[in-house]
Amino acid sequence: MYRFYGAPLQSITSKQTGRILFVFDTKGEFITDDENIIRRCLGFFDNMKLEAKDISKKEMKTYNIPPMVISTKNEKKPILELSKPEVILKHCKKCEFATENQGDLLAHYREKHTKGGK
C-alpha cells in the first residue's frame, strides 16, 4: 500500500483514455493498494510505502474508493458545473410582497406597514 503526495484536490487523468484515475484529497494525499496505479505513479509523485499499522481507522475505511468520473465522453478538459444555491423567498405577512433579502423585507415593513396607517 502506498501514499502518494501531490497538490490538494488535483485530479490525475489517464493520457490514454482521458478519464480521471484518482484525485488527491484536501491534504494532497492519495492512498491506494491498486498495483496498476502504484506502477504508473511511482516515478512521478513523492510517495511513502505504508504498512497496515501506519494507516488510521478512518483512512482504512476510505482508501479504496473508486475514482471519481466527471465525464464519460472523451473530452480534453471536462467542464464542472456548480449548482446554484436554492433561493429562499421571504414573504410579507401583510401583503403580497416577497424578496430573497431580509433587509429589503424590513425596509418594506418600515415604508409600507408603519403604525401610522400608510
PDB file of N, CA and C in Angstrom:
ATOM      1  N   MET A   1       0.846  -1.155   0.000  1.00  0.00           N
ATOM      2  CA  MET A   1       0.000   0.000   0.000  1.00  0.00           C
ATOM      3  C   MET A   1       0.902   1.230   0.000  1.00  0.00           C
ATOM      4  N   TYR A   2       0.532   2.249  -0.778  1.00  0.00           N
ATOM      5  CA  TYR A   2       1.333   3.452  -0.916  1.00  0.00           C
ATOM      6  C   TYR A   2       0.490   4.693  -0.663  1.00  0.00           C
ATOM      7  N   ARG A   3       1.154   5.727  -0.145  1.00  0.00           N
ATOM      8  CA  ARG A   3       0.563   7.059  -0.013  1.00  0.00           C
ATOM      9  C   ARG A   3       1.344   7.959  -0.966  1.00  0.00           C
ATOM     10  N   PHE A   4       0.625   8.576  -1.908  1.00  0.00           N
ATOM     11  CA  PHE A   4       1.236   9.492  -2.856  1.00  0.00           C
ATOM     12  C   PHE A   4       0.894  10.919  -2.463  1.00  0.00           C
ATOM     13  N   TYR A   5       1.818  11.838  -2.751  1.00  0.00           N
ATOM     14  CA  TYR A   5       1.643  13.240  -2.394  1.00  0.00           C
ATOM     15  C   TYR A   5       1.608  14.092  -3.650  1.00  0.00           C
ATOM     16  N   GLY A   6       0.665  15.036  -3.674  1.00  0.00           N
ATOM     17  CA  GLY A   6       0.529  15.954  -4.798  1.00  0.00           C
ATOM     18  C   GLY A   6      -0.172  17.219  -4.339  1.00  0.00           C
ATOM     19  N   ALA A   7      -0.634  18.012  -5.280  1.00  0.00           N
ATOM     20  CA  ALA A   7      -1.360  19.239  -4.956  1.00  0.00           C
ATOM     21  C   ALA A   7      -2.750  18.877  -4.424  1.00  0.00           C
ATOM     22  N   PRO A   8      -3.229  19.560  -3.381  1.00  0.00           N
ATOM     23  CA  PRO A   8      -4.569  19.275  -2.861  1.00  0.00           C
ATOM     24  C   PRO A   8      -5.638  19.386  -3.942  1.00  0.00           C
ATOM     25  N   LEU A   9      -6.503  18.407  -3.988  1.00  0.00           N
ATOM     26  CA  LEU A   9      -7.648  18.315  -4.905  1.00  0.00           C
ATOM     27  C   LEU A   9      -7.242  18.247  -6.381  1.00  0.00           C
ATOM     28  N   GLN A  10      -5.989  17.930  -6.657  1.00  0.00           N
ATOM     29  CA  GLN A  10      -5.527  17.769  -8.036  1.00  0.00           C
ATOM     30  C   GLN A  10      -6.037  16.443  -8.578  1.00  0.00           C
ATOM     31  N   SER A  11      -6.598  16.473  -9.771  1.00  0.00           N
ATOM     32  CA  SER A  11      -7.068  15.233 -10.385  1.00  0.00           C
ATOM     33  C   SER A  11      -6.017  14.745 -11.372  1.00  0.00           C
ATOM     34  N   ILE A  12      -5.802  13.441 -11.399  1.00  0.00           N
ATOM     35  CA  ILE A  12      -4.820  12.820 -12.280  1.00  0.00           C
ATOM     36  C   ILE A  12      -5.589  12.034 -13.337  1.00  0.00           C
ATOM     37  N   THR A  13      -5.360  12.384 -14.605  1.00  0.00           N
ATOM     38  CA  THR A  13      -6.087  11.736 -15.690  1.00  0.00           C
ATOM     39  C   THR A  13      -5.167  10.812 -16.476  1.00  0.00           C
ATOM     40  N   SER A  14      -5.765   9.818 -17.099  1.00  0.00           N
ATOM     41  CA  SER A  14      -5.045   8.893 -17.954  1.00  0.00           C
ATOM     42  C   SER A  14      -4.837   9.546 -19.311  1.00  0.00           C
ATOM     43  N   LYS A  15      -3.611   9.510 -19.821  1.00  0.00           N
ATOM     44  CA  LYS A  15      -3.353  10.077 -21.142  1.00  0.00           C
ATOM     45  C   LYS A  15      -3.965   9.216 -22.242  1.00  0.00           C
ATOM     46  N   GLN A  16      -4.166   7.939 -21.955  1.00  0.00           N
ATOM     47  CA  GLN A  16      -4.726   7.034 -22.960  1.00  0.00           C
ATOM     48  C   GLN A  16      -6.226   7.218 -23.117  1.00  0.00           C
ATOM     49  N   THR A  17      -6.957   7.273 -22.002  1.00  0.00           N
ATOM     50  CA  THR A  17      -8.414   7.337 -22.071  1.00  0.00           C
ATOM     51  C   THR A  17      -8.980   8.719 -21.789  1.00  0.00           C
ATOM     52  N   GLY A  18      -8.216   9.569 -21.117  1.00  0.00           N
ATOM     53  CA  GLY A  18      -8.713  10.886 -20.755  1.00  0.00           C
ATOM     54  C   GLY A  18      -9.576  10.876 -19.505  1.00  0.00           C
ATOM     55  N   ARG A  19      -9.744   9.723 -18.890  1.00  0.00           N
ATOM     56  CA  ARG A  19     -10.552   9.620 -17.672  1.00  0.00           C
ATOM     57  C   ARG A  19      -9.702   9.885 -16.444  1.00  0.00           C
ATOM     58  N   ILE A  20     -10.357  10.308 -15.393  1.00  0.00           N
ATOM     59  CA  ILE A  20      -9.666  10.590 -14.142  1.00  0.00           C
ATOM     60  C   ILE A  20      -9.329   9.276 -13.445  1.00  0.00           C
ATOM     61  N   LEU A  21      -8.050   9.102 -13.095  1.00  0.00           N
ATOM     62  CA  LEU A  21      -7.617   7.912 -12.379  1.00  0.00           C
ATOM     63  C   LEU A  21      -7.867   8.055 -10.879  1.00  0.00           C
ATOM     64  N   PHE A  22      -7.496   9.213 -10.339  1.00  0.00           N
ATOM     65  CA  PHE A  22      -7.729   9.486  -8.927  1.00  0.00           C
ATOM     66  C   PHE A  22      -7.596  10.976  -8.673  1.00  0.00           C
ATOM     67  N   VAL A  23      -8.017  11.390  -7.467  1.00  0.00           N
ATOM     68  CA  VAL A  23      -7.945  12.784  -7.055  1.00  0.00           C
ATOM     69  C   VAL A  23      -7.284  12.829  -5.687  1.00  0.00           C
ATOM     70  N   PHE A  24      -6.285  13.703  -5.527  1.00  0.00           N
ATOM     71  CA  PHE A  24      -5.673  13.889  -4.219  1.00  0.00           C
ATOM     72  C   PHE A  24      -6.694  14.519  -3.280  1.00  0.00           C
ATOM     73  N   ASP A  25      -6.623  14.179  -1.986  1.00  0.00           N
ATOM     74  CA  ASP A  25      -7.566  14.740  -1.021  1.00  0.00           C
ATOM     75  C   ASP A  25      -7.168  16.169  -0.673  1.00  0.00           C
ATOM     76  N   THR A  26      -7.870  16.770   0.297  1.00  0.00           N
ATOM     77  CA  THR A  26      -7.631  18.170   0.653  1.00  0.00           C
ATOM     78  C   THR A  26      -6.264  18.383   1.286  1.00  0.00           C
ATOM     79  N   LYS A  27      -5.626  17.328   1.763  1.00  0.00           N
ATOM     80  CA  LYS A  27      -4.274  17.426   2.308  1.00  0.00           C
ATOM     81  C   LYS A  27      -3.222  17.121   1.243  1.00  0.00           C
ATOM     82  N   GLY A  28      -3.632  16.801   0.034  1.00  0.00           N
ATOM     83  CA  GLY A  28      -2.701  16.488  -1.038  1.00  0.00           C
ATOM     84  C   GLY A  28      -2.175  15.070  -0.967  1.00  0.00           C
ATOM     85  N   GLU A  29      -2.985  14.143  -0.443  1.00  0.00           N
ATOM     86  CA  GLU A  29      -2.565  12.748  -0.298  1.00  0.00           C
ATOM     87  C   GLU A  29      -3.540  11.820  -1.023  1.00  0.00           C
ATOM     88  N   PHE A  30      -3.024  10.689  -1.471  1.00  0.00           N
ATOM     89  CA  PHE A  30      -3.850   9.646  -2.080  1.00  0.00           C
ATOM     90  C   PHE A  30      -3.274   8.303  -1.651  1.00  0.00           C
ATOM     91  N   ILE A  31      -4.096   7.460  -1.038  1.00  0.00           N
ATOM     92  CA  ILE A  31      -3.661   6.148  -0.556  1.00  0.00           C
ATOM     93  C   ILE A  31      -4.303   5.081  -1.423  1.00  0.00           C
ATOM     94  N   THR A  32      -3.496   4.116  -1.871  1.00  0.00           N
ATOM     95  CA  THR A  32      -4.036   3.048  -2.714  1.00  0.00           C
ATOM     96  C   THR A  32      -3.236   1.767  -2.540  1.00  0.00           C
ATOM     97  N   ASP A  33      -3.884   0.663  -2.839  1.00  0.00           N
ATOM     98  CA  ASP A  33      -3.180  -0.618  -2.929  1.00  0.00           C
ATOM     99  C   ASP A  33      -3.347  -1.207  -4.335  1.00  0.00           C
ATOM    100  N   ASP A  34      -3.877  -0.413  -5.267  1.00  0.00           N
ATOM    101  CA  ASP A  34      -4.058  -0.834  -6.656  1.00  0.00           C
ATOM    102  C   ASP A  34      -2.690  -0.881  -7.345  1.00  0.00           C
ATOM    103  N   GLU A  35      -2.250  -2.076  -7.721  1.00  0.00           N
ATOM    104  CA  GLU A  35      -0.928  -2.266  -8.307  1.00  0.00           C
ATOM    105  C   GLU A  35      -0.738  -1.480  -9.601  1.00  0.00           C
ATOM    106  N   ASN A  36      -1.782  -1.369 -10.419  1.00  0.00           N
ATOM    107  CA  ASN A  36      -1.676  -0.620 -11.679  1.00  0.00           C
ATOM    108  C   ASN A  36      -1.397   0.862 -11.416  1.00  0.00           C
ATOM    109  N   ILE A  37      -2.137   1.448 -10.486  1.00  0.00           N
ATOM    110  CA  ILE A  37      -1.927   2.858 -10.171  1.00  0.00           C
ATOM    111  C   ILE A  37      -0.562   3.055  -9.531  1.00  0.00           C
ATOM    112  N   ILE A  38      -0.169   2.148  -8.638  1.00  0.00           N
ATOM    113  CA  ILE A  38       1.137   2.260  -7.983  1.00  0.00           C
ATOM    114  C   ILE A  38       2.251   2.249  -9.020  1.00  0.00           C
ATOM    115  N   ARG A  39       2.195   1.311  -9.967  1.00  0.00           N
ATOM    116  CA  ARG A  39       3.220   1.216 -11.010  1.00  0.00           C
ATOM    117  C   ARG A  39       3.317   2.501 -11.829  1.00  0.00           C
ATOM    118  N   ARG A  40       2.163   3.073 -12.162  1.00  0.00           N
ATOM    119  CA  ARG A  40       2.136   4.265 -13.004  1.00  0.00           C
ATOM    120  C   ARG A  40       2.590   5.514 -12.256  1.00  0.00           C
ATOM    121  N   CYS A  41       2.408   5.557 -10.932  1.00  0.00           N
ATOM    122  CA  CYS A  41       2.668   6.779 -10.170  1.00  0.00           C
ATOM    123  C   CYS A  41       4.029   6.821  -9.492  1.00  0.00           C
ATOM    124  N   LEU A  42       4.699   5.681  -9.368  1.00  0.00           N
ATOM    125  CA  LEU A  42       5.941   5.638  -8.596  1.00  0.00           C
ATOM    126  C   LEU A  42       7.003   6.609  -9.103  1.00  0.00           C
ATOM    127  N   GLY A  43       7.163   6.811 -10.362  1.00  0.00           N
ATOM    128  CA  GLY A  43       8.190   7.705 -10.872  1.00  0.00           C
ATOM    129  C   GLY A  43       7.793   9.165 -10.933  1.00  0.00           C
ATOM    130  N   PHE A  44       6.508   9.472 -10.696  1.00  0.00           N
ATOM    131  CA  PHE A  44       6.022  10.826 -10.905  1.00  0.00           C
ATOM    132  C   PHE A  44       5.709  11.595  -9.627  1.00  0.00           C
ATOM    133  N   PHE A  45       5.332  10.903  -8.561  1.00  0.00           N
ATOM    134  CA  PHE A  45       4.899  11.571  -7.338  1.00  0.00           C
ATOM    135  C   PHE A  45       5.747  11.135  -6.155  1.00  0.00           C
ATOM    136  N   ASP A  46       5.924  12.049  -5.190  1.00  0.00           N
ATOM    137  CA  ASP A  46       6.536  11.661  -3.932  1.00  0.00           C
ATOM    138  C   ASP A  46       5.630  10.624  -3.298  1.00  0.00           C
ATOM    139  N   ASN A  47       6.232   9.634  -2.644  1.00  0.00           N
ATOM    140  CA  ASN A  47       5.412   8.564  -2.091  1.00  0.00           C
ATOM    141  C   ASN A  47       6.046   7.991  -0.843  1.00  0.00           C
ATOM    142  N   MET A  48       5.234   7.208  -0.130  1.00  0.00           N
ATOM    143  CA  MET A  48       5.672   6.512   1.051  1.00  0.00           C
ATOM    144  C   MET A  48       4.969   5.159   1.084  1.00  0.00           C
ATOM    145  N   LYS A  49       5.756   4.106   1.253  1.00  0.00           N
ATOM    146  CA  LYS A  49       5.161   2.780   1.366  1.00  0.00           C
ATOM    147  C   LYS A  49       4.600   2.642   2.777  1.00  0.00           C
ATOM    148  N   LEU A  50       3.387   2.136   2.874  1.00  0.00           N
ATOM    149  CA  LEU A  50       2.702   2.041   4.157  1.00  0.00           C
ATOM    150  C   LEU A  50       2.490   0.594   4.563  1.00  0.00           C
ATOM    151  N   GLU A  51       2.531   0.379   5.829  1.00  0.00           N
ATOM    152  CA  GLU A  51       2.113  -0.893   6.413  1.00  0.00           C
ATOM    153  C   GLU A  51       0.726  -0.670   6.989  1.00  0.00           C
ATOM    154  N   ALA A  52       0.006  -1.723   7.263  1.00  0.00           N
ATOM    155  CA  ALA A  52      -1.358  -1.610   7.787  1.00  0.00           C
ATOM    156  C   ALA A  52      -1.380  -0.852   9.109  1.00  0.00           C
ATOM    157  N   LYS A  53      -0.345  -0.983   9.919  1.00  0.00           N
ATOM    158  CA  LYS A  53      -0.330  -0.309  11.222  1.00  0.00           C
ATOM    159  C   LYS A  53      -0.134   1.202  11.076  1.00  0.00           C
ATOM    160  N   ASP A  54       0.376   1.684   9.928  1.00  0.00           N
ATOM    161  CA  ASP A  54       0.605   3.104   9.701  1.00  0.00           C
ATOM    162  C   ASP A  54      -0.660   3.849   9.293  1.00  0.00           C
ATOM    163  N   ILE A  55      -1.717   3.132   9.000  1.00  0.00           N
ATOM    164  CA  ILE A  55      -2.929   3.739   8.469  1.00  0.00           C
ATOM    165  C   ILE A  55      -3.976   3.841   9.570  1.00  0.00           C
ATOM    166  N   SER A  56      -4.582   5.018   9.704  1.00  0.00           N
ATOM    167  CA  SER A  56      -5.609   5.203  10.723  1.00  0.00           C
ATOM    168  C   SER A  56      -6.877   4.443  10.325  1.00  0.00           C
ATOM    169  N   LYS A  57      -7.764   4.254  11.287  1.00  0.00           N
ATOM    170  CA  LYS A  57      -9.008   3.519  11.020  1.00  0.00           C
ATOM    171  C   LYS A  57      -9.855   4.239   9.979  1.00  0.00           C
ATOM    172  N   LYS A  58      -9.883   5.575  10.033  1.00  0.00           N
ATOM    173  CA  LYS A  58     -10.676   6.341   9.074  1.00  0.00           C
ATOM    174  C   LYS A  58     -10.130   6.151   7.657  1.00  0.00           C
ATOM    175  N   GLU A  59      -8.812   6.241   7.492  1.00  0.00           N
ATOM    176  CA  GLU A  59      -8.218   6.054   6.183  1.00  0.00           C
ATOM    177  C   GLU A  59      -8.413   4.632   5.692  1.00  0.00           C
ATOM    178  N   MET A  60      -8.363   3.659   6.592  1.00  0.00           N
ATOM    179  CA  MET A  60      -8.518   2.261   6.222  1.00  0.00           C
ATOM    180  C   MET A  60      -9.892   2.013   5.604  1.00  0.00           C
ATOM    181  N   LYS A  61     -10.898   2.734   6.088  1.00  0.00           N
ATOM    182  CA  LYS A  61     -12.248   2.574   5.563  1.00  0.00           C
ATOM    183  C   LYS A  61     -12.409   3.250   4.209  1.00  0.00           C
ATOM    184  N   THR A  62     -11.629   4.302   3.939  1.00  0.00           N
ATOM    185  CA  THR A  62     -11.894   5.114   2.748  1.00  0.00           C
ATOM    186  C   THR A  62     -10.819   5.053   1.680  1.00  0.00           C
ATOM    187  N   TYR A  63      -9.727   4.327   1.891  1.00  0.00           N
ATOM    188  CA  TYR A  63      -8.631   4.407   0.931  1.00  0.00           C
ATOM    189  C   TYR A  63      -8.960   3.817  -0.428  1.00  0.00           C
ATOM    190  N   ASN A  64      -9.878   2.877  -0.501  1.00  0.00           N
ATOM    191  CA  ASN A  64     -10.126   2.198  -1.773  1.00  0.00           C
ATOM    192  C   ASN A  64     -11.400   2.664  -2.462  1.00  0.00           C
ATOM    193  N   ILE A  65     -11.727   3.942  -2.307  1.00  0.00           N
ATOM    194  CA  ILE A  65     -12.882   4.496  -3.015  1.00  0.00           C
ATOM    195  C   ILE A  65     -12.557   4.534  -4.507  1.00  0.00           C
ATOM    196  N   PRO A  66     -13.462   4.073  -5.359  1.00  0.00           N
ATOM    197  CA  PRO A  66     -13.175   4.096  -6.799  1.00  0.00           C
ATOM    198  C   PRO A  66     -13.000   5.529  -7.285  1.00  0.00           C
ATOM    199  N   PRO A  67     -12.276   5.728  -8.375  1.00  0.00           N
ATOM    200  CA  PRO A  67     -12.013   7.080  -8.853  1.00  0.00           C
ATOM    201  C   PRO A  67     -13.291   7.802  -9.272  1.00  0.00           C
ATOM    202  N   MET A  68     -13.270   9.112  -9.102  1.00  0.00           N
ATOM    203  CA  MET A  68     -14.401   9.948  -9.452  1.00  0.00           C
ATOM    204  C   MET A  68     -14.446  10.128 -10.967  1.00  0.00           C
ATOM    205  N   VAL A  69     -15.608   9.953 -11.564  1.00  0.00           N
ATOM    206  CA  VAL A  69     -15.762  10.135 -13.005  1.00  0.00           C
ATOM    207  C   VAL A  69     -16.585  11.389 -13.229  1.00  0.00           C
ATOM    208  N   ILE A  70     -16.016  12.336 -13.946  1.00  0.00           N
ATOM    209  CA  ILE A  70     -16.717  13.585 -14.229  1.00  0.00           C
ATOM    210  C   ILE A  70     -17.479  13.464 -15.535  1.00  0.00           C
ATOM    211  N   SER A  71     -16.854  12.875 -16.523  1.00  0.00           N
ATOM    212  CA  SER A  71     -17.484  12.794 -17.835  1.00  0.00           C
ATOM    213  C   SER A  71     -17.139  11.454 -18.468  1.00  0.00           C
ATOM    214  N   THR A  72     -18.120  10.858 -19.141  1.00  0.00           N
ATOM    215  CA  THR A  72     -17.847   9.604 -19.834  1.00  0.00           C
ATOM    216  C   THR A  72     -17.399   9.865 -21.267  1.00  0.00           C
ATOM    217  N   LYS A  73     -17.559  11.089 -21.747  1.00  0.00           N
ATOM    218  CA  LYS A  73     -17.110  11.442 -23.083  1.00  0.00           C
ATOM    219  C   LYS A  73     -15.598  11.634 -23.054  1.00  0.00           C
ATOM    220  N   ASN A  74     -14.968  11.473 -24.175  1.00  0.00           N
ATOM    221  CA  ASN A  74     -13.526  11.638 -24.277  1.00  0.00           C
ATOM    222  C   ASN A  74     -13.216  13.106 -24.568  1.00  0.00           C
ATOM    223  N   GLU A  75     -13.429  13.964 -23.557  1.00  0.00           N
ATOM    224  CA  GLU A  75     -13.169  15.388 -23.694  1.00  0.00           C
ATOM    225  C   GLU A  75     -11.772  15.689 -23.175  1.00  0.00           C
ATOM    226  N   LYS A  76     -11.126  16.674 -23.769  1.00  0.00           N
ATOM    227  CA  LYS A  76      -9.794  17.028 -23.300  1.00  0.00           C
ATOM    228  C   LYS A  76      -9.855  17.697 -21.936  1.00  0.00           C
ATOM    229  N   LYS A  77     -10.801  18.610 -21.740  1.00  0.00           N
ATOM    230  CA  LYS A  77     -10.950  19.285 -20.461  1.00  0.00           C
ATOM    231  C   LYS A  77     -12.404  19.166 -20.031  1.00  0.00           C
ATOM    232  N   PRO A  78     -12.700  18.329 -19.039  1.00  0.00           N
ATOM    233  CA  PRO A  78     -14.083  18.213 -18.586  1.00  0.00           C
ATOM    234  C   PRO A  78     -14.537  19.509 -17.912  1.00  0.00           C
ATOM    235  N   ILE A  79     -15.794  19.811 -18.061  1.00  0.00           N
ATOM    236  CA  ILE A  79     -16.358  21.033 -17.514  1.00  0.00           C
ATOM    237  C   ILE A  79     -17.184  20.669 -16.286  1.00  0.00           C
ATOM    238  N   LEU A  80     -16.896  21.329 -15.176  1.00  0.00           N
ATOM    239  CA  LEU A  80     -17.662  21.127 -13.958  1.00  0.00           C
ATOM    240  C   LEU A  80     -18.686  22.244 -13.848  1.00  0.00           C
ATOM    241  N   GLU A  81     -19.915  21.894 -13.598  1.00  0.00           N
ATOM    242  CA  GLU A  81     -20.942  22.896 -13.403  1.00  0.00           C
ATOM    243  C   GLU A  81     -21.327  22.901 -11.935  1.00  0.00           C
ATOM    244  N   LEU A  82     -21.271  24.071 -11.337  1.00  0.00           N
ATOM    245  CA  LEU A  82     -21.661  24.195  -9.947  1.00  0.00           C
ATOM    246  C   LEU A  82     -23.148  24.477  -9.886  1.00  0.00           C
ATOM    247  N   SER A  83     -23.828  23.811  -8.993  1.00  0.00           N
ATOM    248  CA  SER A  83     -25.257  24.050  -8.867  1.00  0.00           C
ATOM    249  C   SER A  83     -25.470  25.356  -8.112  1.00  0.00           C
ATOM    250  N   LYS A  84     -26.482  26.096  -8.520  1.00  0.00           N
ATOM    251  CA  LYS A  84     -26.791  27.358  -7.866  1.00  0.00           C
ATOM    252  C   LYS A  84     -27.523  27.065  -6.558  1.00  0.00           C
ATOM    253  N   PRO A  85     -27.230  27.843  -5.523  1.00  0.00           N
ATOM    254  CA  PRO A  85     -27.940  27.619  -4.266  1.00  0.00           C
ATOM    255  C   PRO A  85     -29.425  27.946  -4.423  1.00  0.00           C
ATOM    256  N   GLU A  86     -30.233  27.237  -3.693  1.00  0.00           N
ATOM    257  CA  GLU A  86     -31.674  27.436  -3.764  1.00  0.00           C
ATOM    258  C   GLU A  86     -32.030  28.795  -3.185  1.00  0.00           C
ATOM    259  N   VAL A  87     -32.862  29.555  -3.892  1.00  0.00           N
ATOM    260  CA  VAL A  87     -33.281  30.880  -3.439  1.00  0.00           C
ATOM    261  C   VAL A  87     -34.471  30.710  -2.508  1.00  0.00           C
ATOM    262  N   ILE A  88     -34.358  31.292  -1.318  1.00  0.00           N
ATOM    263  CA  ILE A  88     -35.449  31.221  -0.349  1.00  0.00           C
ATOM    264  C   ILE A  88     -36.078  32.600  -0.258  1.00  0.00           C
ATOM    265  N   LEU A  89     -37.347  32.682  -0.620  1.00  0.00           N
ATOM    266  CA  LEU A  89     -38.049  33.956  -0.592  1.00  0.00           C
ATOM    267  C   LEU A  89     -38.616  34.210   0.794  1.00  0.00           C
ATOM    268  N   LYS A  90     -38.555  35.474   1.178  1.00  0.00           N
ATOM    269  CA  LYS A  90     -39.154  35.911   2.437  1.00  0.00           C
ATOM    270  C   LYS A  90     -40.401  36.712   2.073  1.00  0.00           C
ATOM    271  N   HIS A  91     -41.543  36.342   2.648  1.00  0.00           N
ATOM    272  CA  HIS A  91     -42.824  36.948   2.285  1.00  0.00           C
ATOM    273  C   HIS A  91     -43.299  37.894   3.372  1.00  0.00           C
ATOM    274  N   CYS A  92     -43.931  38.979   2.926  1.00  0.00           N
ATOM    275  CA  CYS A  92     -44.567  39.919   3.844  1.00  0.00           C
ATOM    276  C   CYS A  92     -45.852  39.281   4.360  1.00  0.00           C
ATOM    277  N   LYS A  93     -46.080  39.391   5.673  1.00  0.00           N
ATOM    278  CA  LYS A  93     -47.279  38.792   6.270  1.00  0.00           C
ATOM    279  C   LYS A  93     -48.527  39.637   6.042  1.00  0.00           C
ATOM    280  N   LYS A  94     -48.329  40.877   5.580  1.00  0.00           N
ATOM    281  CA  LYS A  94     -49.468  41.778   5.444  1.00  0.00           C
ATOM    282  C   LYS A  94     -49.889  42.052   4.000  1.00  0.00           C
ATOM    283  N   CYS A  95     -49.043  41.679   3.033  1.00  0.00           N
ATOM    284  CA  CYS A  95     -49.395  41.884   1.624  1.00  0.00           C
ATOM    285  C   CYS A  95     -48.699  40.826   0.773  1.00  0.00           C
ATOM    286  N   GLU A  96     -48.688  41.006  -0.537  1.00  0.00           N
ATOM    287  CA  GLU A  96     -48.132  40.019  -1.468  1.00  0.00           C
ATOM    288  C   GLU A  96     -46.638  40.184  -1.721  1.00  0.00           C
ATOM    289  N   PHE A  97     -45.971  41.135  -1.071  1.00  0.00           N
ATOM    290  CA  PHE A  97     -44.562  41.417  -1.315  1.00  0.00           C
ATOM    291  C   PHE A  97     -43.693  40.217  -0.910  1.00  0.00           C
ATOM    292  N   ALA A  98     -42.689  39.912  -1.741  1.00  0.00           N
ATOM    293  CA  ALA A  98     -41.740  38.835  -1.441  1.00  0.00           C
ATOM    294  C   ALA A  98     -40.356  39.228  -1.951  1.00  0.00           C
ATOM    295  N   THR A  99     -39.320  38.853  -1.215  1.00  0.00           N
ATOM    296  CA  THR A  99     -37.940  39.137  -1.604  1.00  0.00           C
ATOM    297  C   THR A  99     -37.030  38.060  -1.029  1.00  0.00           C
ATOM    298  N   GLU A 100     -35.830  37.948  -1.582  1.00  0.00           N
ATOM    299  CA  GLU A 100     -34.878  36.966  -1.045  1.00  0.00           C
ATOM    300  C   GLU A 100     -33.941  37.605  -0.030  1.00  0.00           C
ATOM    301  N   ASN A 101     -34.045  38.926   0.169  1.00  0.00           N
ATOM    302  CA  ASN A 101     -33.162  39.645   1.066  1.00  0.00           C
ATOM    303  C   ASN A 101     -33.928  40.089   2.314  1.00  0.00           C
ATOM    304  N   GLN A 102     -33.450  39.727   3.495  1.00  0.00           N
ATOM    305  CA  GLN A 102     -34.110  40.080   4.750  1.00  0.00           C
ATOM    306  C   GLN A 102     -34.131  41.592   4.946  1.00  0.00           C
ATOM    307  N   GLY A 103     -33.062  42.289   4.551  1.00  0.00           N
ATOM    308  CA  GLY A 103     -33.005  43.748   4.688  1.00  0.00           C
ATOM    309  C   GLY A 103     -34.071  44.439   3.857  1.00  0.00           C
ATOM    310  N   ASP A 104     -34.302  43.938   2.648  1.00  0.00           N
ATOM    311  CA  ASP A 104     -35.347  44.509   1.797  1.00  0.00           C
ATOM    312  C   ASP A 104     -36.724  44.302   2.410  1.00  0.00           C
ATOM    313  N   LEU A 105     -36.938  43.162   3.038  1.00  0.00           N
ATOM    314  CA  LEU A 105     -38.228  42.890   3.681  1.00  0.00           C
ATOM    315  C   LEU A 105     -38.446  43.841   4.854  1.00  0.00           C
ATOM    316  N   LEU A 106     -37.422  44.084   5.658  1.00  0.00           N
ATOM    317  CA  LEU A 106     -37.554  45.009   6.785  1.00  0.00           C
ATOM    318  C   LEU A 106     -37.796  46.433   6.292  1.00  0.00           C
ATOM    319  N   ALA A 107     -37.118  46.840   5.223  1.00  0.00           N
ATOM    320  CA  ALA A 107     -37.344  48.170   4.645  1.00  0.00           C
ATOM    321  C   ALA A 107     -38.776  48.281   4.131  1.00  0.00           C
ATOM    322  N   HIS A 108     -39.301  47.224   3.538  1.00  0.00           N
ATOM    323  CA  HIS A 108     -40.683  47.194   3.053  1.00  0.00           C
ATOM    324  C   HIS A 108     -41.648  47.402   4.218  1.00  0.00           C
ATOM    325  N   TYR A 109     -41.420  46.706   5.335  1.00  0.00           N
ATOM    326  CA  TYR A 109     -42.292  46.868   6.514  1.00  0.00           C
ATOM    327  C   TYR A 109     -42.254  48.322   7.003  1.00  0.00           C
ATOM    328  N   ARG A 110     -41.071  48.935   7.064  1.00  0.00           N
ATOM    329  CA  ARG A 110     -40.956  50.324   7.538  1.00  0.00           C
ATOM    330  C   ARG A 110     -41.701  51.283   6.614  1.00  0.00           C
ATOM    331  N   GLU A 111     -41.581  51.075   5.299  1.00  0.00           N
ATOM    332  CA  GLU A 111     -42.180  52.020   4.342  1.00  0.00           C
ATOM    333  C   GLU A 111     -43.678  51.809   4.162  1.00  0.00           C
ATOM    334  N   LYS A 112     -44.105  50.554   4.091  1.00  0.00           N
ATOM    335  CA  LYS A 112     -45.497  50.274   3.712  1.00  0.00           C
ATOM    336  C   LYS A 112     -46.422  49.950   4.890  1.00  0.00           C
ATOM    337  N   HIS A 113     -45.900  49.448   5.977  1.00  0.00           N
ATOM    338  CA  HIS A 113     -46.774  48.946   7.041  1.00  0.00           C
ATOM    339  C   HIS A 113     -46.423  49.565   8.401  1.00  0.00           C
ATOM    340  N   THR A 114     -46.250  50.879   8.460  1.00  0.00           N
ATOM    341  CA  THR A 114     -45.965  51.534   9.739  1.00  0.00           C
ATOM    342  C   THR A 114     -47.270  51.695  10.513  1.00  0.00           C
ATOM    343  N   LYS A 115     -47.161  51.977  11.798  1.00  0.00           N
ATOM    344  CA  LYS A 115     -48.352  52.142  12.635  1.00  0.00           C
ATOM    345  C   LYS A 115     -49.161  53.377  12.263  1.00  0.00           C
ATOM    346  N   GLY A 116     -48.565  54.282  11.516  1.00  0.00           N
ATOM    347  CA  GLY A 116     -49.264  55.498  11.082  1.00  0.00           C
ATOM    348  C   GLY A 116     -50.402  55.211  10.128  1.00  0.00           C
ATOM    349  N   GLY A 117     -50.442  54.015   9.558  1.00  0.00           N
ATOM    350  CA  GLY A 117     -51.571  53.626   8.725  1.00  0.00           C
ATOM    351  C   GLY A 117     -51.362  53.843   7.245  1.00  0.00           C
ATOM    352  N   LYS A 118     -50.163  53.904   6.796  1.00  0.00           N
ATOM    353  CA  LYS A 118     -49.930  54.063   5.352  1.00  0.00           C
ATOM    354  C   LYS A 118     -50.432  52.895   4.568  1.00  0.00           C
TER     355      LYS A 118
END
